[in-house]
């Protein structure tokens, strides 16, 4: 895991994380929208810019 104060290394690649089973139902974006709903809407594993 990653916690506050841990060193990080810049790779110049997009930030990505691998989620375990069941986690997607419990993660929200910055305004409390479930990521599962956004993924179903966008048909992508990435959250597109400008999702309403």
Protein backbone atom coordinates (compact mmCIF):
# COMPACT_ATOMS: atom_id res chain seq x y z
CA UNK A 1 0.00 0.00 0.00
CA UNK A 2 0.87 3.65 -0.15
CA UNK A 3 0.59 5.93 2.85
CA UNK A 4 1.28 9.58 3.63
CA UNK A 5 5.00 10.27 3.60
CA UNK A 6 5.97 7.25 1.47
CA UNK A 7 8.48 8.04 -1.27
CA UNK A 8 7.13 7.89 -4.82
CA UNK A 9 8.94 7.72 -8.14
CA UNK A 10 7.87 9.67 -11.21
CA UNK A 11 7.57 7.42 -14.27
CA UNK A 12 5.95 9.93 -16.66
CA UNK A 13 3.12 7.40 -17.13
CA UNK A 14 -0.57 7.83 -16.21
CA UNK A 15 -1.39 6.93 -12.63
CA UNK A 16 -2.96 3.48 -12.45
CA UNK A 17 -3.85 1.01 -9.73
CA UNK A 18 -5.05 -2.58 -9.79
CA UNK A 19 -8.23 -3.07 -7.76
CA UNK A 20 -9.17 -6.28 -6.03
CA UNK A 21 -12.58 -7.96 -6.37
CA UNK A 22 -15.39 -5.98 -4.80
CA UNK A 23 -13.39 -2.78 -4.43
CA UNK A 24 -14.95 -1.02 -7.44
CA UNK A 25 -18.36 -0.91 -5.71
CA UNK A 26 -16.84 0.97 -2.77
CA UNK A 27 -14.78 3.69 -4.50
CA UNK A 28 -16.13 7.13 -5.39
CA UNK A 29 -14.79 10.06 -7.37
CA UNK A 30 -14.25 13.51 -5.84
CA UNK A 31 -17.98 14.34 -5.76
CA UNK A 32 -19.20 10.99 -4.43
CA UNK A 33 -20.18 9.32 -7.71
CA UNK A 34 -19.52 5.55 -7.65
CA UNK A 35 -16.70 4.59 -10.05
CA UNK A 36 -18.69 1.52 -11.09
CA UNK A 37 -21.41 3.78 -12.54
CA UNK A 38 -18.84 5.94 -14.35
CA UNK A 39 -17.14 2.83 -15.81
CA UNK A 40 -20.48 1.48 -17.06
CA UNK A 41 -21.37 4.88 -18.58
CA UNK A 42 -18.04 5.38 -20.33
CA UNK A 43 -17.53 1.73 -21.35
CA UNK A 44 -13.88 2.15 -20.33
CA UNK A 45 -11.58 1.29 -17.45
CA UNK A 46 -10.50 4.95 -17.50
CA UNK A 47 -12.57 7.85 -16.20
CA UNK A 48 -12.97 10.21 -19.16
CA UNK A 49 -12.60 13.97 -18.75
CA UNK A 50 -15.91 15.80 -18.42
CA UNK A 51 -18.16 12.95 -17.21
CA UNK A 52 -21.44 14.38 -15.91
